């Protein structure tokens, strides 16, 4: 499939696998009638807890797989990311089945809360990686980031050549139009564009030039406006990349926090026999 992504790979294979598994596990859950009530300490609850823990281990393994997939692993990173996304979503329902839907404000509920936050951040990450790269490609208009930087440098050279042997008014207009492009952290994070001159501002600027330099002034404003346009396109793209990087600094700590909480939950249950209610 030409438009296949890690979400819909193989015609949503992993969505179907996880959905059918949840349907089967839910049916077994409804048919099970343990003595007392349903909770994590029943035979079925422990089985579902084991499956959930195995699912979380698989999700964490993706982080290791991500570092080695392109070098020596079998399968592409996208093929691993597909099951990573859908298994993570399936755990949102599987964990309550494990606990018999008894989730209180205690140490046993902490792993589930962290898992929900991790899954929510993962869903945002999946959305970002599906949507933003295509947006960036459309904004580039077939121009790479490297070529855009080179074009800005080329335009700066043209402007410098254009202002030679011109009047002081022309030099002043060029200096005003040639905005200093130094993207700061705040400008990138908040997507603050460089000032783009309006038609009125350009008209007033051209009005300050001698009549014999008017055509050169038109060329100058065209080049300078193009330079600002490319710079703002790069700022918009850098903002998207920065936000995607920031997302990782949220998703990864939540993932590790969830894994540690699950390990603590399993340890306390097995060694201290705390009820899973």
C-alpha atoms as a PDB file:
ATOM      1  CA  UNK A   1       0.000   0.000   0.000  1.00  0.00           C
ATOM      2  CA  UNK A   2       1.428   3.360  -1.045  1.00  0.00           C
ATOM      3  CA  UNK A   3      -0.166   5.230   1.888  1.00  0.00           C
ATOM      4  CA  UNK A   4       0.540   2.543   4.478  1.00  0.00           C
ATOM      5  CA  UNK A   5       1.626   3.795   7.893  1.00  0.00           C
ATOM      6  CA  UNK A   6       2.502   2.088  11.150  1.00  0.00           C
ATOM      7  CA  UNK A   7      -1.160   2.496  12.178  1.00  0.00           C
ATOM      8  CA  UNK A   8      -2.842   0.890   9.152  1.00  0.00           C
ATOM      9  CA  UNK A   9      -0.053  -1.462   8.095  1.00  0.00           C
ATOM     10  CA  UNK A  10      -1.171  -4.723   6.498  1.00  0.00           C
ATOM     11  CA  UNK A  11      -4.741  -3.461   6.326  1.00  0.00           C
ATOM     12  CA  UNK A  12      -4.985  -2.751  10.074  1.00  0.00           C
ATOM     13  CA  UNK A  13      -3.721  -6.236  10.949  1.00  0.00           C
ATOM     14  CA  UNK A  14      -2.740  -5.343  14.507  1.00  0.00           C
ATOM     15  CA  UNK A  15      -5.977  -3.483  15.135  1.00  0.00           C
ATOM     16  CA  UNK A  16      -7.904  -6.614  14.182  1.00  0.00           C
ATOM     17  CA  UNK A  17      -5.628  -8.896  16.223  1.00  0.00           C
ATOM     18  CA  UNK A  18      -5.924  -6.741  19.358  1.00  0.00           C
ATOM     19  CA  UNK A  19      -9.676  -6.227  18.903  1.00  0.00           C
ATOM     20  CA  UNK A  20     -10.367  -9.948  18.507  1.00  0.00           C
ATOM     21  CA  UNK A  21      -8.160 -10.725  21.489  1.00  0.00           C
ATOM     22  CA  UNK A  22     -10.050  -8.195  23.628  1.00  0.00           C
ATOM     23  CA  UNK A  23     -13.397  -9.620  22.525  1.00  0.00           C
ATOM     24  CA  UNK A  24     -12.267 -13.149  23.453  1.00  0.00           C
ATOM     25  CA  UNK A  25     -10.807 -12.057  26.793  1.00  0.00           C
ATOM     26  CA  UNK A  26     -13.929 -10.038  27.603  1.00  0.00           C
ATOM     27  CA  UNK A  27     -16.163 -13.025  26.819  1.00  0.00           C
ATOM     28  CA  UNK A  28     -14.090 -15.260  29.097  1.00  0.00           C
ATOM     29  CA  UNK A  29     -14.269 -12.578  31.793  1.00  0.00           C
ATOM     30  CA  UNK A  30     -18.077 -12.466  31.596  1.00  0.00           C
ATOM     31  CA  UNK A  31     -18.349 -16.274  31.681  1.00  0.00           C
ATOM     32  CA  UNK A  32     -16.075 -16.542  34.713  1.00  0.00           C
ATOM     33  CA  UNK A  33     -17.875 -16.560  38.076  1.00  0.00           C
ATOM     34  CA  UNK A  34     -15.273 -16.793  40.853  1.00  0.00           C
ATOM     35  CA  UNK A  35     -16.212 -17.285  44.490  1.00  0.00           C
ATOM     36  CA  UNK A  36     -16.763 -13.900  46.068  1.00  0.00           C
ATOM     37  CA  UNK A  37     -16.171 -11.262  43.430  1.00  0.00           C
ATOM     38  CA  UNK A  38     -13.986 -10.582  40.462  1.00  0.00           C
ATOM     39  CA  UNK A  39     -10.642  -9.022  41.376  1.00  0.00           C
ATOM     40  CA  UNK A  40      -6.988  -9.267  40.485  1.00  0.00           C
ATOM     41  CA  UNK A  41      -6.244 -12.120  42.859  1.00  0.00           C
ATOM     42  CA  UNK A  42      -8.516 -14.680  41.179  1.00  0.00           C
ATOM     43  CA  UNK A  43      -7.060 -17.224  38.813  1.00  0.00           C
ATOM     44  CA  UNK A  44      -8.383 -15.344  35.788  1.00  0.00           C
ATOM     45  CA  UNK A  45      -7.296 -12.023  37.290  1.00  0.00           C
ATOM     46  CA  UNK A  46      -3.734 -13.299  37.715  1.00  0.00           C
ATOM     47  CA  UNK A  47      -3.709 -14.649  34.156  1.00  0.00           C
ATOM     48  CA  UNK A  48      -4.892 -11.316  32.796  1.00  0.00           C
ATOM     49  CA  UNK A  49      -2.367  -9.548  35.011  1.00  0.00           C
ATOM     50  CA  UNK A  50       0.388 -11.701  33.546  1.00  0.00           C
ATOM     51  CA  UNK A  51      -0.766 -10.919  30.011  1.00  0.00           C
ATOM     52  CA  UNK A  52      -0.877  -7.199  30.844  1.00  0.00           C
ATOM     53  CA  UNK A  53       2.617  -7.287  32.357  1.00  0.00           C
ATOM     54  CA  UNK A  54       3.911  -9.127  29.278  1.00  0.00           C
ATOM     55  CA  UNK A  55       2.293  -6.464  27.100  1.00  0.00           C
ATOM     56  CA  UNK A  56       4.045  -3.690  29.019  1.00  0.00           C
ATOM     57  CA  UNK A  57       7.393  -5.509  28.718  1.00  0.00           C
ATOM     58  CA  UNK A  58       6.802  -5.751  24.963  1.00  0.00           C
ATOM     59  CA  UNK A  59       6.042  -2.030  24.776  1.00  0.00           C
ATOM     60  CA  UNK A  60       9.208  -1.184  26.693  1.00  0.00           C
ATOM     61  CA  UNK A  61      11.230  -3.476  24.440  1.00  0.00           C
ATOM     62  CA  UNK A  62      10.323  -1.205  21.543  1.00  0.00           C
ATOM     63  CA  UNK A  63      12.638   1.445  22.971  1.00  0.00           C
ATOM     64  CA  UNK A  64      15.540  -1.015  22.779  1.00  0.00           C
ATOM     65  CA  UNK A  65      14.427  -2.252  19.381  1.00  0.00           C
ATOM     66  CA  UNK A  66      14.288   1.324  18.128  1.00  0.00           C
ATOM     67  CA  UNK A  67      18.049   1.676  18.588  1.00  0.00           C
ATOM     68  CA  UNK A  68      18.942  -1.511  16.729  1.00  0.00           C
ATOM     69  CA  UNK A  69      16.206  -1.975  14.124  1.00  0.00           C
ATOM     70  CA  UNK A  70      17.980  -0.276  11.254  1.00  0.00           C
ATOM     71  CA  UNK A  71      21.372  -1.812  11.945  1.00  0.00           C
ATOM     72  CA  UNK A  72      20.891  -5.519  12.512  1.00  0.00           C
ATOM     73  CA  UNK A  73      17.352  -6.347  13.544  1.00  0.00           C
ATOM     74  CA  UNK A  74      14.765  -8.122  11.477  1.00  0.00           C
ATOM     75  CA  UNK A  75      11.831  -6.086  10.302  1.00  0.00           C
ATOM     76  CA  UNK A  76      11.528  -2.352   9.983  1.00  0.00           C
ATOM     77  CA  UNK A  77      10.934   0.068  12.814  1.00  0.00           C
ATOM     78  CA  UNK A  78       7.481   0.841  11.361  1.00  0.00           C
ATOM     79  CA  UNK A  79       6.462  -2.815  11.660  1.00  0.00           C
ATOM     80  CA  UNK A  80       7.404  -2.796  15.328  1.00  0.00           C
ATOM     81  CA  UNK A  81       5.668   0.518  15.925  1.00  0.00           C
ATOM     82  CA  UNK A  82       2.336  -0.840  14.619  1.00  0.00           C
ATOM     83  CA  UNK A  83       1.901  -3.487  17.334  1.00  0.00           C
ATOM     84  CA  UNK A  84       3.410  -1.059  19.851  1.00  0.00           C
ATOM     85  CA  UNK A  85       0.546   1.379  19.221  1.00  0.00           C
ATOM     86  CA  UNK A  86      -2.329  -1.103  19.153  1.00  0.00           C
ATOM     87  CA  UNK A  87      -1.159  -3.287  22.046  1.00  0.00           C
ATOM     88  CA  UNK A  88      -0.728  -0.154  24.144  1.00  0.00           C
ATOM     89  CA  UNK A  89      -4.308   0.864  23.339  1.00  0.00           C
ATOM     90  CA  UNK A  90      -5.599  -2.648  24.117  1.00  0.00           C
ATOM     91  CA  UNK A  91      -4.039  -2.548  27.597  1.00  0.00           C
ATOM     92  CA  UNK A  92      -6.390   0.304  28.501  1.00  0.00           C
ATOM     93  CA  UNK A  93      -9.216  -2.273  28.686  1.00  0.00           C
ATOM     94  CA  UNK A  94      -7.210  -5.375  29.583  1.00  0.00           C
ATOM     95  CA  UNK A  95      -5.877  -3.986  32.868  1.00  0.00           C
ATOM     96  CA  UNK A  96      -9.395  -3.242  34.239  1.00  0.00           C
ATOM     97  CA  UNK A  97     -10.361  -6.805  33.262  1.00  0.00           C
ATOM     98  CA  UNK A  98      -7.385  -7.978  35.316  1.00  0.00           C
ATOM     99  CA  UNK A  99      -8.539  -6.053  38.389  1.00  0.00           C
ATOM    100  CA  UNK A 100     -12.238  -6.831  37.963  1.00  0.00           C
ATOM    101  CA  UNK A 101     -12.766  -3.100  37.435  1.00  0.00           C
ATOM    102  CA  UNK A 102     -11.792  -2.500  41.080  1.00  0.00           C
ATOM    103  CA  UNK A 103      -9.479   0.479  40.760  1.00  0.00           C
ATOM    104  CA  UNK A 104      -9.164   2.554  43.902  1.00  0.00           C
ATOM    105  CA  UNK A 105      -6.776   5.270  45.013  1.00  0.00           C
ATOM    106  CA  UNK A 106      -3.954   2.978  46.112  1.00  0.00           C
ATOM    107  CA  UNK A 107      -0.565   1.678  45.007  1.00  0.00           C
ATOM    108  CA  UNK A 108      -2.223  -0.900  42.754  1.00  0.00           C
ATOM    109  CA  UNK A 109      -4.001   1.767  40.723  1.00  0.00           C
ATOM    110  CA  UNK A 110      -0.852   3.866  40.235  1.00  0.00           C
ATOM    111  CA  UNK A 111       0.497   1.679  37.384  1.00  0.00           C
ATOM    112  CA  UNK A 112      -2.812   1.990  35.546  1.00  0.00           C
ATOM    113  CA  UNK A 113      -2.913   5.762  35.943  1.00  0.00           C
ATOM    114  CA  UNK A 114       0.644   6.055  34.647  1.00  0.00           C
ATOM    115  CA  UNK A 115      -0.221   3.700  31.810  1.00  0.00           C
ATOM    116  CA  UNK A 116      -3.202   5.859  30.815  1.00  0.00           C
ATOM    117  CA  UNK A 117      -0.976   8.934  30.729  1.00  0.00           C
ATOM    118  CA  UNK A 118       1.614   7.015  28.718  1.00  0.00           C
ATOM    119  CA  UNK A 119      -0.982   5.787  26.227  1.00  0.00           C
ATOM    120  CA  UNK A 120      -2.485   9.279  25.921  1.00  0.00           C
ATOM    121  CA  UNK A 121       0.934  10.773  25.191  1.00  0.00           C
ATOM    122  CA  UNK A 122       1.590   7.911  22.772  1.00  0.00           C
ATOM    123  CA  UNK A 123      -1.632   8.626  20.893  1.00  0.00           C
ATOM    124  CA  UNK A 124      -0.578  12.258  20.572  1.00  0.00           C
ATOM    125  CA  UNK A 125       2.840  11.122  19.333  1.00  0.00           C
ATOM    126  CA  UNK A 126       1.285   8.803  16.747  1.00  0.00           C
ATOM    127  CA  UNK A 127      -0.945  11.635  15.545  1.00  0.00           C
ATOM    128  CA  UNK A 128       2.023  14.003  15.352  1.00  0.00           C
ATOM    129  CA  UNK A 129       4.181  11.588  13.395  1.00  0.00           C
ATOM    130  CA  UNK A 130       1.366  10.912  10.944  1.00  0.00           C
ATOM    131  CA  UNK A 131       0.250  14.511  10.416  1.00  0.00           C
ATOM    132  CA  UNK A 132       3.220  16.826  10.864  1.00  0.00           C
ATOM    133  CA  UNK A 133       5.750  15.290   8.436  1.00  0.00           C
ATOM    134  CA  UNK A 134       3.251  15.600   5.563  1.00  0.00           C
ATOM    135  CA  UNK A 135       2.545  19.198   6.569  1.00  0.00           C
ATOM    136  CA  UNK A 136       6.254  19.971   6.555  1.00  0.00           C
ATOM    137  CA  UNK A 137       6.654  18.357   3.129  1.00  0.00           C
ATOM    138  CA  UNK A 138       3.799  20.485   1.758  1.00  0.00           C
ATOM    139  CA  UNK A 139       5.295  23.674   3.174  1.00  0.00           C
ATOM    140  CA  UNK A 140       8.660  22.893   1.618  1.00  0.00           C
ATOM    141  CA  UNK A 141       7.195  22.870  -1.892  1.00  0.00           C
ATOM    142  CA  UNK A 142       9.781  20.296  -2.927  1.00  0.00           C
ATOM    143  CA  UNK A 143      12.657  22.225  -1.293  1.00  0.00           C
ATOM    144  CA  UNK A 144      14.808  20.504   1.322  1.00  0.00           C
ATOM    145  CA  UNK A 145      15.852  22.233   4.536  1.00  0.00           C
ATOM    146  CA  UNK A 146      19.466  22.312   3.347  1.00  0.00           C
ATOM    147  CA  UNK A 147      18.541  23.919   0.044  1.00  0.00           C
ATOM    148  CA  UNK A 148      16.322  26.429   1.861  1.00  0.00           C
ATOM    149  CA  UNK A 149      19.264  27.503   4.029  1.00  0.00           C
ATOM    150  CA  UNK A 150      21.429  27.742   0.924  1.00  0.00           C
ATOM    151  CA  UNK A 151      18.769  29.848  -0.820  1.00  0.00           C
ATOM    152  CA  UNK A 152      18.677  32.293   2.101  1.00  0.00           C
ATOM    153  CA  UNK A 153      22.451  32.667   1.864  1.00  0.00           C
ATOM    154  CA  UNK A 154      22.231  33.116  -1.916  1.00  0.00           C
ATOM    155  CA  UNK A 155      19.561  35.817  -1.566  1.00  0.00           C
ATOM    156  CA  UNK A 156      21.699  37.630   1.018  1.00  0.00           C
ATOM    157  CA  UNK A 157      24.570  37.633  -1.487  1.00  0.00           C
ATOM    158  CA  UNK A 158      22.276  38.979  -4.226  1.00  0.00           C
ATOM    159  CA  UNK A 159      21.057  41.759  -1.953  1.00  0.00           C
ATOM    160  CA  UNK A 160      24.632  42.687  -1.081  1.00  0.00           C
ATOM    161  CA  UNK A 161      25.507  42.821  -4.786  1.00  0.00           C
ATOM    162  CA  UNK A 162      22.370  44.807  -5.594  1.00  0.00           C
ATOM    163  CA  UNK A 163      23.128  47.556  -3.088  1.00  0.00           C
ATOM    164  CA  UNK A 164      26.595  48.262  -4.503  1.00  0.00           C
ATOM    165  CA  UNK A 165      27.016  51.700  -6.096  1.00  0.00           C
ATOM    166  CA  UNK A 166      23.516  52.679  -4.991  1.00  0.00           C
ATOM    167  CA  UNK A 167      22.364  55.708  -3.045  1.00  0.00           C
ATOM    168  CA  UNK A 168      22.314  55.967   0.730  1.00  0.00           C
ATOM    169  CA  UNK A 169      18.513  55.728   0.579  1.00  0.00           C
ATOM    170  CA  UNK A 170      18.764  52.409  -1.268  1.00  0.00           C
ATOM    171  CA  UNK A 171      21.325  51.102   1.231  1.00  0.00           C
ATOM    172  CA  UNK A 172      19.067  52.136   4.133  1.00  0.00           C
ATOM    173  CA  UNK A 173      16.053  50.446   2.524  1.00  0.00           C
ATOM    174  CA  UNK A 174      18.046  47.263   1.939  1.00  0.00           C
ATOM    175  CA  UNK A 175      19.264  47.256   5.533  1.00  0.00           C
ATOM    176  CA  UNK A 176      15.695  47.639   6.768  1.00  0.00           C
ATOM    177  CA  UNK A 177      14.412  44.840   4.510  1.00  0.00           C
ATOM    178  CA  UNK A 178      17.214  42.398   5.258  1.00  0.00           C
ATOM    179  CA  UNK A 179      15.895  41.144   8.590  1.00  0.00           C
ATOM    180  CA  UNK A 180      18.522  39.576  10.856  1.00  0.00           C
ATOM    181  CA  UNK A 181      17.642  35.870  10.824  1.00  0.00           C
ATOM    182  CA  UNK A 182      18.769  34.476  14.162  1.00  0.00           C
ATOM    183  CA  UNK A 183      16.153  31.999  15.408  1.00  0.00           C
ATOM    184  CA  UNK A 184      16.005  31.872  19.189  1.00  0.00           C
ATOM    185  CA  UNK A 185      14.687  29.041  21.356  1.00  0.00           C
ATOM    186  CA  UNK A 186      11.513  30.999  22.148  1.00  0.00           C
ATOM    187  CA  UNK A 187      10.919  31.831  18.479  1.00  0.00           C
ATOM    188  CA  UNK A 188      11.213  28.150  17.501  1.00  0.00           C
ATOM    189  CA  UNK A 189       9.140  26.760  20.380  1.00  0.00           C
ATOM    190  CA  UNK A 190       6.294  29.255  19.942  1.00  0.00           C
ATOM    191  CA  UNK A 191       6.567  29.536  16.153  1.00  0.00           C
ATOM    192  CA  UNK A 192       7.015  33.317  16.167  1.00  0.00           C
ATOM    193  CA  UNK A 193       7.667  34.318  12.540  1.00  0.00           C
ATOM    194  CA  UNK A 194       9.997  37.056  11.379  1.00  0.00           C
ATOM    195  CA  UNK A 195       8.273  40.283  10.428  1.00  0.00           C
ATOM    196  CA  UNK A 196       6.888  40.120   6.883  1.00  0.00           C
ATOM    197  CA  UNK A 197       6.478  43.567   5.319  1.00  0.00           C
ATOM    198  CA  UNK A 198       2.986  44.530   4.187  1.00  0.00           C
ATOM    199  CA  UNK A 199       2.226  45.994   0.759  1.00  0.00           C
ATOM    200  CA  UNK A 200       1.817  49.422   2.353  1.00  0.00           C
ATOM    201  CA  UNK A 201       5.205  49.197   4.080  1.00  0.00           C
ATOM    202  CA  UNK A 202       6.858  48.118   0.823  1.00  0.00           C
ATOM    203  CA  UNK A 203       5.208  50.968  -1.070  1.00  0.00           C
ATOM    204  CA  UNK A 204       6.389  53.510   1.508  1.00  0.00           C
ATOM    205  CA  UNK A 205       9.884  52.040   1.393  1.00  0.00           C
ATOM    206  CA  UNK A 206      10.046  52.236  -2.408  1.00  0.00           C
ATOM    207  CA  UNK A 207       8.840  55.836  -2.197  1.00  0.00           C
ATOM    208  CA  UNK A 208      12.074  56.779  -0.428  1.00  0.00           C
ATOM    209  CA  UNK A 209      14.232  55.669  -3.390  1.00  0.00           C
ATOM    210  CA  UNK A 210      15.417  57.836  -6.270  1.00  0.00           C
ATOM    211  CA  UNK A 211      13.426  57.363  -9.471  1.00  0.00           C
ATOM    212  CA  UNK A 212      16.330  55.739 -11.335  1.00  0.00           C
ATOM    213  CA  UNK A 213      16.658  53.079  -8.593  1.00  0.00           C
ATOM    214  CA  UNK A 214      12.977  52.178  -8.480  1.00  0.00           C
ATOM    215  CA  UNK A 215      13.301  49.006 -10.609  1.00  0.00           C
ATOM    216  CA  UNK A 216      16.286  47.870  -8.546  1.00  0.00           C
ATOM    217  CA  UNK A 217      14.170  48.594  -5.464  1.00  0.00           C
ATOM    218  CA  UNK A 218      11.421  46.316  -6.750  1.00  0.00           C
ATOM    219  CA  UNK A 219      13.992  43.551  -7.219  1.00  0.00           C
ATOM    220  CA  UNK A 220      15.349  44.222  -3.743  1.00  0.00           C
ATOM    221  CA  UNK A 221      11.938  44.000  -2.068  1.00  0.00           C
ATOM    222  CA  UNK A 222      11.141  40.827  -3.997  1.00  0.00           C
ATOM    223  CA  UNK A 223      14.360  39.145  -2.882  1.00  0.00           C
ATOM    224  CA  UNK A 224      14.053  40.318   0.723  1.00  0.00           C
ATOM    225  CA  UNK A 225      10.424  39.198   0.958  1.00  0.00           C
ATOM    226  CA  UNK A 226      11.380  35.792  -0.452  1.00  0.00           C
ATOM    227  CA  UNK A 227      14.172  35.543   2.123  1.00  0.00           C
ATOM    228  CA  UNK A 228      11.771  36.229   4.998  1.00  0.00           C
ATOM    229  CA  UNK A 229       9.233  33.789   3.565  1.00  0.00           C
ATOM    230  CA  UNK A 230      11.800  30.974   3.470  1.00  0.00           C
ATOM    231  CA  UNK A 231      13.028  31.829   6.981  1.00  0.00           C
ATOM    232  CA  UNK A 232       9.474  31.686   8.356  1.00  0.00           C
ATOM    233  CA  UNK A 233       8.938  28.346   6.635  1.00  0.00           C
ATOM    234  CA  UNK A 234      12.044  27.004   8.377  1.00  0.00           C
ATOM    235  CA  UNK A 235      10.840  28.411  11.709  1.00  0.00           C
ATOM    236  CA  UNK A 236       7.476  26.647  11.278  1.00  0.00           C
ATOM    237  CA  UNK A 237       9.226  23.373  10.473  1.00  0.00           C
ATOM    238  CA  UNK A 238      11.682  23.722  13.351  1.00  0.00           C
ATOM    239  CA  UNK A 239       8.747  24.356  15.680  1.00  0.00           C
ATOM    240  CA  UNK A 240       7.101  21.082  14.641  1.00  0.00           C
ATOM    241  CA  UNK A 241      10.359  19.164  15.078  1.00  0.00           C
ATOM    242  CA  UNK A 242      10.916  20.755  18.496  1.00  0.00           C
ATOM    243  CA  UNK A 243       7.413  19.871  19.661  1.00  0.00           C
ATOM    244  CA  UNK A 244       7.888  16.280  18.529  1.00  0.00           C
ATOM    245  CA  UNK A 245      11.154  16.110  20.459  1.00  0.00           C
ATOM    246  CA  UNK A 246       9.494  17.597  23.549  1.00  0.00           C
ATOM    247  CA  UNK A 247       6.808  14.907  23.265  1.00  0.00           C
ATOM    248  CA  UNK A 248       9.489  12.247  23.641  1.00  0.00           C
ATOM    249  CA  UNK A 249      10.657  13.890  26.871  1.00  0.00           C
ATOM    250  CA  UNK A 250       7.110  13.356  28.189  1.00  0.00           C
ATOM    251  CA  UNK A 251       6.362   9.906  26.773  1.00  0.00           C
ATOM    252  CA  UNK A 252       9.618   8.215  27.745  1.00  0.00           C
ATOM    253  CA  UNK A 253       9.642   9.209  31.466  1.00  0.00           C
ATOM    254  CA  UNK A 254       5.988   8.189  31.739  1.00  0.00           C
ATOM    255  CA  UNK A 255       6.833   4.842  30.143  1.00  0.00           C
ATOM    256  CA  UNK A 256       9.637   4.138  32.587  1.00  0.00           C
ATOM    257  CA  UNK A 257       7.511   5.351  35.496  1.00  0.00           C
ATOM    258  CA  UNK A 258       4.756   2.962  34.446  1.00  0.00           C
ATOM    259  CA  UNK A 259       7.217   0.059  34.172  1.00  0.00           C
ATOM    260  CA  UNK A 260       8.625   0.764  37.655  1.00  0.00           C
ATOM    261  CA  UNK A 261       5.109   1.034  39.126  1.00  0.00           C
ATOM    262  CA  UNK A 262       4.092  -2.278  37.523  1.00  0.00           C
ATOM    263  CA  UNK A 263       7.228  -3.949  38.902  1.00  0.00           C
ATOM    264  CA  UNK A 264       6.428  -2.593  42.379  1.00  0.00           C
ATOM    265  CA  UNK A 265       2.822  -3.761  42.049  1.00  0.00           C
ATOM    266  CA  UNK A 266       3.900  -7.296  41.099  1.00  0.00           C
ATOM    267  CA  UNK A 267       6.533  -7.430  43.858  1.00  0.00           C
ATOM    268  CA  UNK A 268       4.127  -6.359  46.581  1.00  0.00           C
ATOM    269  CA  UNK A 269       1.436  -8.737  45.410  1.00  0.00           C
ATOM    270  CA  UNK A 270       3.728 -11.768  45.208  1.00  0.00           C
ATOM    271  CA  UNK A 271       5.779 -11.175  48.342  1.00  0.00           C
ATOM    272  CA  UNK A 272       3.341  -9.379  50.643  1.00  0.00           C
ATOM    273  CA  UNK A 273       0.096 -10.927  49.359  1.00  0.00           C
ATOM    274  CA  UNK A 274      -1.725  -7.589  49.246  1.00  0.00           C
ATOM    275  CA  UNK A 275      -5.233  -8.005  47.870  1.00  0.00           C
ATOM    276  CA  UNK A 276      -5.731  -6.626  44.374  1.00  0.00           C
ATOM    277  CA  UNK A 277      -8.880  -4.722  45.242  1.00  0.00           C
END
